[in-house]
Amino acid sequence: MDETDWKNWQAEIEATLMFVVKDGQILLIEKKRGHGQGKVNGPGGKMDPGESPLDGAVRETEEELCISVKDAQKVAELWFRMSDYPSLRCHVFLASEFVGEPTETPEAAPFWAPLDRIPYDRMWEDDRHWLPQVLAGQTLIGKFSFEGERMLTKEITLGWDF
């Protein structure tokens, strides 16, 4: 059983995720390298020193998909305690407007999925617990602990004002 002390928890890495939703579909990526390689997710990654979460999310999306997001809004913060990776705070954004064409890069292979057919079986285990709520208009903070790729605990608090 996981005994994470969330009250005193500190992130070692600040990161971002961006989900673009347009015309009943969500823009996802298959991650081609790094942490989570082979999994489906939104574009994102580690923030640079001094970078705001929004700036990091926009930059990562540009680097991974060659698109520039125009209307991103922070909708969630995810805290992760992992057995095989440094603790991570992930700032999650939703957007619908962008410039450019989603393009495969060495980091990511983009694809659109209908909102009613998101491939949760190819994603991190926690995604099925918080992403539907964010897509339904909720804001939240999620706290998750993992042993390898297996989720041990989850705690989701709805209604945050970011």
N, C-alpha and C. Protein backbone atom coordinates (compact mmCIF):
# COMPACT_ATOMS: atom_id res chain seq x y z
N MET A 1 0.84 -1.20 0.00
CA MET A 1 0.00 0.00 0.00
C MET A 1 0.88 1.25 0.00
N ASP A 2 0.52 2.21 -0.79
CA ASP A 2 1.27 3.45 -0.90
C ASP A 2 0.97 4.36 0.29
N GLU A 3 2.00 4.98 0.81
CA GLU A 3 1.86 5.87 1.96
C GLU A 3 2.36 7.27 1.62
N THR A 4 2.07 7.78 0.45
CA THR A 4 2.55 9.10 0.05
C THR A 4 1.98 10.16 0.98
N ASP A 5 2.84 11.00 1.50
CA ASP A 5 2.46 12.13 2.35
C ASP A 5 2.23 13.34 1.43
N TRP A 6 1.02 13.44 0.87
CA TRP A 6 0.74 14.49 -0.11
C TRP A 6 0.85 15.88 0.49
N LYS A 7 0.62 16.01 1.80
CA LYS A 7 0.70 17.31 2.44
C LYS A 7 2.11 17.90 2.35
N ASN A 8 3.12 17.05 2.42
CA ASN A 8 4.51 17.49 2.37
C ASN A 8 5.21 17.12 1.07
N TRP A 9 4.46 16.63 0.10
CA TRP A 9 5.01 16.19 -1.18
C TRP A 9 5.57 17.38 -1.95
N GLN A 10 6.68 17.17 -2.64
CA GLN A 10 7.28 18.20 -3.49
C GLN A 10 7.63 17.58 -4.84
N ALA A 11 7.33 18.30 -5.89
CA ALA A 11 7.67 17.83 -7.23
C ALA A 11 9.15 18.06 -7.50
N GLU A 12 9.78 17.07 -8.10
CA GLU A 12 11.16 17.22 -8.56
C GLU A 12 11.19 17.76 -10.00
N ILE A 13 10.14 17.49 -10.74
CA ILE A 13 10.04 17.93 -12.14
C ILE A 13 8.70 18.62 -12.34
N GLU A 14 8.73 19.78 -13.01
CA GLU A 14 7.51 20.48 -13.43
C GLU A 14 7.32 20.18 -14.92
N ALA A 15 6.11 19.78 -15.29
CA ALA A 15 5.86 19.37 -16.67
C ALA A 15 4.49 19.87 -17.12
N THR A 16 4.20 19.64 -18.40
CA THR A 16 2.94 20.10 -18.98
C THR A 16 2.34 19.03 -19.88
N LEU A 17 1.04 19.15 -20.11
CA LEU A 17 0.30 18.38 -21.10
C LEU A 17 -0.68 19.31 -21.79
N MET A 18 -0.88 19.12 -23.08
CA MET A 18 -1.82 19.93 -23.85
C MET A 18 -2.77 18.99 -24.60
N PHE A 19 -4.06 19.22 -24.45
CA PHE A 19 -5.05 18.46 -25.20
C PHE A 19 -5.83 19.44 -26.07
N VAL A 20 -5.77 19.25 -27.38
CA VAL A 20 -6.52 20.06 -28.33
C VAL A 20 -7.79 19.30 -28.68
N VAL A 21 -8.93 19.95 -28.49
CA VAL A 21 -10.23 19.36 -28.77
C VAL A 21 -10.94 20.22 -29.80
N LYS A 22 -11.34 19.59 -30.91
CA LYS A 22 -11.99 20.34 -31.99
C LYS A 22 -12.93 19.41 -32.76
N ASP A 23 -14.12 19.89 -33.02
CA ASP A 23 -15.09 19.17 -33.85
C ASP A 23 -15.33 17.74 -33.35
N GLY A 24 -15.48 17.58 -32.04
CA GLY A 24 -15.79 16.27 -31.47
C GLY A 24 -14.63 15.30 -31.44
N GLN A 25 -13.41 15.80 -31.65
CA GLN A 25 -12.22 14.95 -31.64
C GLN A 25 -11.15 15.55 -30.73
N ILE A 26 -10.24 14.71 -30.29
CA ILE A 26 -9.12 15.12 -29.46
C ILE A 26 -7.83 14.75 -30.17
N LEU A 27 -6.88 15.69 -30.16
CA LEU A 27 -5.59 15.46 -30.79
C LEU A 27 -4.67 14.78 -29.78
N LEU A 28 -4.25 13.57 -30.10
CA LEU A 28 -3.39 12.79 -29.23
C LEU A 28 -2.08 12.48 -29.96
N ILE A 29 -1.12 11.98 -29.19
CA ILE A 29 0.14 11.55 -29.78
C ILE A 29 0.47 10.14 -29.31
N GLU A 30 1.20 9.42 -30.15
CA GLU A 30 1.89 8.24 -29.68
C GLU A 30 3.31 8.70 -29.41
N LYS A 31 3.73 8.56 -28.15
CA LYS A 31 5.05 9.04 -27.73
C LYS A 31 6.13 8.10 -28.27
N LYS A 32 7.09 8.68 -28.99
CA LYS A 32 8.08 7.87 -29.69
C LYS A 32 9.38 7.66 -28.91
N ARG A 33 9.62 8.47 -27.86
CA ARG A 33 10.84 8.29 -27.07
C ARG A 33 10.65 8.92 -25.69
N GLY A 34 11.57 8.59 -24.79
CA GLY A 34 11.54 9.17 -23.45
C GLY A 34 10.55 8.47 -22.53
N HIS A 35 10.29 9.11 -21.38
CA HIS A 35 9.37 8.57 -20.38
C HIS A 35 7.99 8.39 -20.99
N GLY A 36 7.43 7.19 -20.91
CA GLY A 36 6.12 6.91 -21.49
C GLY A 36 6.18 6.54 -22.96
N GLN A 37 7.36 6.22 -23.48
CA GLN A 37 7.50 5.84 -24.88
C GLN A 37 6.51 4.72 -25.21
N GLY A 38 5.83 4.86 -26.37
CA GLY A 38 4.87 3.86 -26.81
C GLY A 38 3.45 4.11 -26.31
N LYS A 39 3.30 4.98 -25.32
CA LYS A 39 1.97 5.29 -24.79
C LYS A 39 1.34 6.42 -25.59
N VAL A 40 0.01 6.48 -25.51
CA VAL A 40 -0.75 7.58 -26.10
C VAL A 40 -0.96 8.63 -25.01
N ASN A 41 -0.83 9.91 -25.40
CA ASN A 41 -1.01 11.00 -24.46
C ASN A 41 -1.26 12.27 -25.26
N GLY A 42 -1.28 13.40 -24.59
CA GLY A 42 -1.25 14.68 -25.26
C GLY A 42 0.19 15.11 -25.37
N PRO A 43 0.51 16.07 -26.24
CA PRO A 43 1.87 16.58 -26.29
C PRO A 43 2.21 17.29 -24.98
N GLY A 44 3.47 17.27 -24.63
CA GLY A 44 3.89 17.94 -23.41
C GLY A 44 5.27 17.48 -23.01
N GLY A 45 5.71 17.96 -21.86
CA GLY A 45 7.02 17.58 -21.37
C GLY A 45 7.48 18.49 -20.27
N LYS A 46 8.76 18.38 -19.94
CA LYS A 46 9.36 19.15 -18.86
C LYS A 46 9.42 20.63 -19.21
N MET A 47 9.13 21.46 -18.21
CA MET A 47 9.25 22.90 -18.37
C MET A 47 10.72 23.30 -18.27
N ASP A 48 11.09 24.34 -19.01
CA ASP A 48 12.42 24.90 -18.92
C ASP A 48 12.51 25.80 -17.68
N PRO A 49 13.71 25.99 -17.11
CA PRO A 49 13.86 26.87 -15.95
C PRO A 49 13.32 28.27 -16.24
N GLY A 50 12.51 28.80 -15.32
CA GLY A 50 11.94 30.13 -15.47
C GLY A 50 10.72 30.22 -16.38
N GLU A 51 10.34 29.12 -16.99
CA GLU A 51 9.23 29.10 -17.93
C GLU A 51 7.91 28.92 -17.18
N SER A 52 6.87 29.63 -17.60
CA SER A 52 5.55 29.44 -17.00
C SER A 52 4.95 28.13 -17.53
N PRO A 53 3.99 27.55 -16.78
CA PRO A 53 3.34 26.33 -17.30
C PRO A 53 2.72 26.53 -18.68
N LEU A 54 2.04 27.66 -18.90
CA LEU A 54 1.43 27.91 -20.21
C LEU A 54 2.49 27.99 -21.30
N ASP A 55 3.55 28.74 -21.06
CA ASP A 55 4.62 28.85 -22.06
C ASP A 55 5.24 27.49 -22.35
N GLY A 56 5.42 26.68 -21.30
CA GLY A 56 5.98 25.34 -21.49
C GLY A 56 5.07 24.45 -22.32
N ALA A 57 3.77 24.52 -22.04
CA ALA A 57 2.81 23.69 -22.78
C ALA A 57 2.76 24.09 -24.25
N VAL A 58 2.75 25.39 -24.52
CA VAL A 58 2.72 25.87 -25.90
C VAL A 58 4.01 25.48 -26.63
N ARG A 59 5.16 25.68 -25.97
CA ARG A 59 6.45 25.33 -26.58
C ARG A 59 6.53 23.83 -26.89
N GLU A 60 6.17 23.00 -25.92
CA GLU A 60 6.24 21.55 -26.13
C GLU A 60 5.33 21.12 -27.28
N THR A 61 4.14 21.70 -27.37
CA THR A 61 3.21 21.35 -28.45
C THR A 61 3.79 21.76 -29.80
N GLU A 62 4.43 22.92 -29.84
CA GLU A 62 5.08 23.35 -31.09
C GLU A 62 6.21 22.41 -31.47
N GLU A 63 7.04 22.03 -30.49
CA GLU A 63 8.18 21.15 -30.76
C GLU A 63 7.73 19.76 -31.19
N GLU A 64 6.68 19.23 -30.55
CA GLU A 64 6.27 17.86 -30.82
C GLU A 64 5.34 17.72 -32.01
N LEU A 65 4.53 18.75 -32.32
CA LEU A 65 3.51 18.60 -33.36
C LEU A 65 3.55 19.68 -34.44
N CYS A 66 4.44 20.67 -34.31
CA CYS A 66 4.56 21.73 -35.31
C CYS A 66 3.28 22.56 -35.44
N ILE A 67 2.54 22.72 -34.34
CA ILE A 67 1.37 23.60 -34.34
C ILE A 67 1.52 24.61 -33.20
N SER A 68 0.90 25.78 -33.38
CA SER A 68 0.91 26.83 -32.37
C SER A 68 -0.50 26.99 -31.81
N VAL A 69 -0.67 26.62 -30.55
CA VAL A 69 -1.97 26.67 -29.88
C VAL A 69 -2.28 28.11 -29.50
N LYS A 70 -3.54 28.52 -29.70
CA LYS A 70 -3.92 29.92 -29.50
C LYS A 70 -4.76 30.20 -28.26
N ASP A 71 -5.47 29.24 -27.72
CA ASP A 71 -6.46 29.54 -26.67
C ASP A 71 -6.38 28.58 -25.49
N ALA A 72 -5.18 28.19 -25.12
CA ALA A 72 -5.01 27.20 -24.05
C ALA A 72 -5.47 27.74 -22.70
N GLN A 73 -6.15 26.90 -21.95
CA GLN A 73 -6.60 27.20 -20.59
C GLN A 73 -6.17 26.07 -19.68
N LYS A 74 -5.61 26.41 -18.51
CA LYS A 74 -5.24 25.38 -17.54
C LYS A 74 -6.51 24.80 -16.93
N VAL A 75 -6.59 23.46 -16.94
CA VAL A 75 -7.78 22.78 -16.44
C VAL A 75 -7.48 21.77 -15.33
N ALA A 76 -6.21 21.42 -15.16
CA ALA A 76 -5.88 20.42 -14.15
C ALA A 76 -4.42 20.52 -13.75
N GLU A 77 -4.17 19.98 -12.58
CA GLU A 77 -2.80 19.79 -12.11
C GLU A 77 -2.74 18.35 -11.61
N LEU A 78 -1.75 17.62 -12.09
CA LEU A 78 -1.60 16.21 -11.73
C LEU A 78 -0.29 16.04 -10.98
N TRP A 79 -0.37 15.39 -9.83
CA TRP A 79 0.81 15.13 -9.02
C TRP A 79 1.10 13.63 -9.08
N PHE A 80 2.34 13.28 -9.37
CA PHE A 80 2.71 11.87 -9.51
C PHE A 80 3.87 11.52 -8.60
N ARG A 81 3.71 10.44 -7.85
CA ARG A 81 4.80 9.81 -7.11
C ARG A 81 5.01 8.47 -7.79
N MET A 82 6.18 8.30 -8.37
CA MET A 82 6.47 7.09 -9.14
C MET A 82 7.65 6.35 -8.53
N SER A 83 7.63 5.04 -8.65
CA SER A 83 8.71 4.22 -8.08
C SER A 83 9.98 4.30 -8.91
N ASP A 84 9.85 4.60 -10.19
CA ASP A 84 11.00 4.52 -11.10
C ASP A 84 11.27 5.82 -11.87
N TYR A 85 10.74 6.93 -11.35
CA TYR A 85 10.90 8.21 -12.03
C TYR A 85 10.76 9.30 -10.97
N PRO A 86 11.43 10.45 -11.12
CA PRO A 86 11.29 11.52 -10.13
C PRO A 86 9.84 12.00 -10.00
N SER A 87 9.49 12.51 -8.82
CA SER A 87 8.13 13.01 -8.61
C SER A 87 7.86 14.16 -9.58
N LEU A 88 6.62 14.24 -10.03
CA LEU A 88 6.26 15.07 -11.17
C LEU A 88 4.97 15.82 -10.89
N ARG A 89 4.98 17.14 -11.14
CA ARG A 89 3.74 17.93 -11.15
C ARG A 89 3.49 18.31 -12.60
N CYS A 90 2.32 17.94 -13.11
CA CYS A 90 1.99 18.17 -14.51
C CYS A 90 0.83 19.15 -14.61
N HIS A 91 1.04 20.26 -15.33
CA HIS A 91 0.04 21.28 -15.56
C HIS A 91 -0.67 20.93 -16.88
N VAL A 92 -1.98 20.73 -16.82
CA VAL A 92 -2.74 20.24 -17.97
C VAL A 92 -3.57 21.39 -18.56
N PHE A 93 -3.49 21.50 -19.89
CA PHE A 93 -4.20 22.55 -20.61
C PHE A 93 -5.13 21.95 -21.66
N LEU A 94 -6.23 22.66 -21.93
CA LEU A 94 -7.13 22.35 -23.04
C LEU A 94 -7.12 23.53 -24.00
N ALA A 95 -7.22 23.22 -25.28
CA ALA A 95 -7.30 24.25 -26.31
C ALA A 95 -8.18 23.75 -27.44
N SER A 96 -8.63 24.67 -28.28
CA SER A 96 -9.40 24.27 -29.47
C SER A 96 -8.90 24.96 -30.73
N GLU A 97 -8.15 26.04 -30.58
CA GLU A 97 -7.69 26.80 -31.73
C GLU A 97 -6.17 26.69 -31.87
N PHE A 98 -5.71 26.46 -33.09
CA PHE A 98 -4.28 26.38 -33.35
C PHE A 98 -3.99 26.75 -34.80
N VAL A 99 -2.73 27.05 -35.06
CA VAL A 99 -2.26 27.36 -36.40
C VAL A 99 -1.25 26.29 -36.78
N GLY A 100 -1.33 25.82 -38.02
CA GLY A 100 -0.42 24.80 -38.50
C GLY A 100 -1.13 23.48 -38.69
N GLU A 101 -0.38 22.51 -39.13
CA GLU A 101 -0.92 21.16 -39.38
C GLU A 101 -0.17 20.19 -38.46
N PRO A 102 -0.91 19.42 -37.62
CA PRO A 102 -0.21 18.45 -36.77
C PRO A 102 0.67 17.54 -37.62
N THR A 103 1.95 17.50 -37.26
CA THR A 103 2.96 16.82 -38.06
C THR A 103 3.80 15.91 -37.18
N GLU A 104 4.10 14.71 -37.68
CA GLU A 104 4.94 13.78 -36.93
C GLU A 104 6.35 14.34 -36.79
N THR A 105 6.92 14.16 -35.60
CA THR A 105 8.29 14.60 -35.30
C THR A 105 9.03 13.41 -34.65
N PRO A 106 10.32 13.54 -34.38
CA PRO A 106 11.03 12.46 -33.68
C PRO A 106 10.45 12.13 -32.31
N GLU A 107 9.70 13.06 -31.72
CA GLU A 107 9.10 12.86 -30.39
C GLU A 107 7.74 12.17 -30.44
N ALA A 108 6.93 12.50 -31.47
CA ALA A 108 5.52 12.17 -31.40
C ALA A 108 4.89 11.93 -32.76
N ALA A 109 3.96 10.96 -32.79
CA ALA A 109 3.14 10.71 -33.98
C ALA A 109 1.70 11.13 -33.63
N PRO A 110 1.21 12.23 -34.22
CA PRO A 110 -0.12 12.73 -33.87
C PRO A 110 -1.24 11.98 -34.58
N PHE A 111 -2.40 11.94 -33.90
CA PHE A 111 -3.62 11.42 -34.52
C PHE A 111 -4.83 12.00 -33.80
N TRP A 112 -5.93 12.09 -34.53
CA TRP A 112 -7.19 12.56 -33.97
C TRP A 112 -8.02 11.35 -33.56
N ALA A 113 -8.65 11.43 -32.39
CA ALA A 113 -9.54 10.37 -31.92
C ALA A 113 -10.89 10.99 -31.57
N PRO A 114 -11.99 10.33 -31.96
CA PRO A 114 -13.30 10.81 -31.53
C PRO A 114 -13.37 10.82 -30.00
N LEU A 115 -14.04 11.82 -29.44
CA LEU A 115 -14.13 11.94 -27.99
C LEU A 115 -14.77 10.72 -27.34
N ASP A 116 -15.62 10.02 -28.07
CA ASP A 116 -16.27 8.83 -27.49
C ASP A 116 -15.46 7.55 -27.74
N ARG A 117 -14.26 7.69 -28.33
CA ARG A 117 -13.40 6.52 -28.57
C ARG A 117 -11.94 6.82 -28.24
N ILE A 118 -11.72 7.50 -27.13
CA ILE A 118 -10.35 7.79 -26.68
C ILE A 118 -9.71 6.45 -26.30
N PRO A 119 -8.51 6.16 -26.78
CA PRO A 119 -7.90 4.84 -26.55
C PRO A 119 -7.24 4.73 -25.16
N TYR A 120 -8.06 4.74 -24.12
CA TYR A 120 -7.54 4.69 -22.75
C TYR A 120 -6.68 3.45 -22.49
N ASP A 121 -6.93 2.36 -23.21
CA ASP A 121 -6.15 1.14 -23.02
C ASP A 121 -4.69 1.31 -23.46
N ARG A 122 -4.38 2.38 -24.21
CA ARG A 122 -3.01 2.65 -24.67
C ARG A 122 -2.38 3.81 -23.90
N MET A 123 -3.09 4.32 -22.89
CA MET A 123 -2.65 5.50 -22.15
C MET A 123 -2.22 5.10 -20.74
N TRP A 124 -1.66 6.06 -19.99
CA TRP A 124 -1.35 5.82 -18.58
C TRP A 124 -2.65 5.50 -17.85
N GLU A 125 -2.57 4.65 -16.86
CA GLU A 125 -3.76 4.17 -16.15
C GLU A 125 -4.57 5.29 -15.50
N ASP A 126 -3.92 6.36 -15.05
CA ASP A 126 -4.64 7.45 -14.39
C ASP A 126 -5.54 8.24 -15.34
N ASP A 127 -5.20 8.27 -16.64
CA ASP A 127 -5.92 9.13 -17.59
C ASP A 127 -7.42 8.86 -17.62
N ARG A 128 -7.81 7.62 -17.51
CA ARG A 128 -9.24 7.29 -17.59
C ARG A 128 -10.02 7.84 -16.39
N HIS A 129 -9.30 8.23 -15.32
CA HIS A 129 -9.96 8.73 -14.12
C HIS A 129 -10.15 10.24 -14.12
N TRP A 130 -9.28 10.97 -14.80
CA TRP A 130 -9.39 12.43 -14.77
C TRP A 130 -9.70 13.07 -16.12
N LEU A 131 -9.23 12.49 -17.24
CA LEU A 131 -9.44 13.14 -18.54
C LEU A 131 -10.92 13.28 -18.90
N PRO A 132 -11.78 12.29 -18.69
CA PRO A 132 -13.20 12.50 -19.00
C PRO A 132 -13.81 13.66 -18.21
N GLN A 133 -13.38 13.86 -16.99
CA GLN A 133 -13.92 14.95 -16.18
C GLN A 133 -13.47 16.31 -16.72
N VAL A 134 -12.21 16.41 -17.13
CA VAL A 134 -11.70 17.64 -17.73
C VAL A 134 -12.43 17.92 -19.04
N LEU A 135 -12.63 16.90 -19.85
CA LEU A 135 -13.33 17.08 -21.13
C LEU A 135 -14.79 17.47 -20.94
N ALA A 136 -15.35 17.14 -19.76
CA ALA A 136 -16.74 17.51 -19.44
C ALA A 136 -16.82 18.90 -18.80
N GLY A 137 -15.68 19.60 -18.69
CA GLY A 137 -15.71 20.96 -18.19
C GLY A 137 -15.26 21.15 -16.75
N GLN A 138 -14.86 20.09 -16.09
CA GLN A 138 -14.39 20.18 -14.71
C GLN A 138 -12.93 20.65 -14.67
N THR A 139 -12.57 21.30 -13.58
CA THR A 139 -11.16 21.55 -13.26
C THR A 139 -10.84 20.68 -12.06
N LEU A 140 -9.58 20.28 -11.94
CA LEU A 140 -9.27 19.34 -10.86
C LEU A 140 -7.80 19.31 -10.53
N ILE A 141 -7.53 18.75 -9.35
CA ILE A 141 -6.18 18.34 -8.98
C ILE A 141 -6.24 16.84 -8.74
N GLY A 142 -5.35 16.12 -9.39
CA GLY A 142 -5.28 14.67 -9.22
C GLY A 142 -3.94 14.29 -8.63
N LYS A 143 -3.97 13.37 -7.66
CA LYS A 143 -2.75 12.89 -7.01
C LYS A 143 -2.70 11.38 -7.20
N PHE A 144 -1.61 10.90 -7.80
CA PHE A 144 -1.50 9.50 -8.18
C PHE A 144 -0.15 8.94 -7.76
N SER A 145 -0.15 7.71 -7.29
CA SER A 145 1.12 7.03 -7.04
C SER A 145 1.18 5.78 -7.91
N PHE A 146 2.39 5.52 -8.42
CA PHE A 146 2.62 4.42 -9.35
C PHE A 146 3.77 3.54 -8.87
N GLU A 147 3.63 2.26 -9.11
CA GLU A 147 4.72 1.29 -9.00
C GLU A 147 4.96 0.83 -10.43
N GLY A 148 6.06 1.31 -11.04
CA GLY A 148 6.25 1.06 -12.46
C GLY A 148 5.12 1.73 -13.22
N GLU A 149 4.41 0.95 -14.04
CA GLU A 149 3.28 1.49 -14.79
C GLU A 149 1.94 1.17 -14.15
N ARG A 150 1.95 0.60 -12.95
CA ARG A 150 0.71 0.23 -12.26
C ARG A 150 0.34 1.30 -11.25
N MET A 151 -0.89 1.83 -11.37
CA MET A 151 -1.36 2.84 -10.45
C MET A 151 -1.71 2.18 -9.12
N LEU A 152 -1.16 2.73 -8.04
CA LEU A 152 -1.45 2.21 -6.70
C LEU A 152 -2.59 2.97 -6.04
N THR A 153 -2.54 4.30 -6.12
CA THR A 153 -3.57 5.12 -5.46
C THR A 153 -3.95 6.28 -6.36
N LYS A 154 -5.15 6.80 -6.14
CA LYS A 154 -5.61 8.00 -6.83
C LYS A 154 -6.47 8.82 -5.87
N GLU A 155 -6.35 10.12 -6.02
CA GLU A 155 -7.15 11.07 -5.24
C GLU A 155 -7.43 12.23 -6.17
N ILE A 156 -8.71 12.51 -6.44
CA ILE A 156 -9.08 13.58 -7.36
C ILE A 156 -9.98 14.56 -6.63
N THR A 157 -9.61 15.85 -6.69
CA THR A 157 -10.40 16.92 -6.08
C THR A 157 -10.86 17.83 -7.20
N LEU A 158 -12.18 17.97 -7.34
CA LEU A 158 -12.76 18.76 -8.42
C LEU A 158 -12.92 20.22 -8.01
N GLY A 159 -13.02 21.09 -9.02
CA GLY A 159 -13.43 22.46 -8.81
C GLY A 159 -12.33 23.44 -8.46
N TRP A 160 -11.15 23.27 -9.00
CA TRP A 160 -10.06 24.20 -8.72
C TRP A 160 -10.14 25.40 -9.64
N ASP A 161 -9.76 26.56 -9.13
CA ASP A 161 -9.72 27.79 -9.92
C ASP A 161 -8.25 28.12 -10.20
N PHE A 162 -7.81 27.86 -11.42
CA PHE A 162 -6.39 28.05 -11.75
C PHE A 162 -6.13 29.44 -12.23
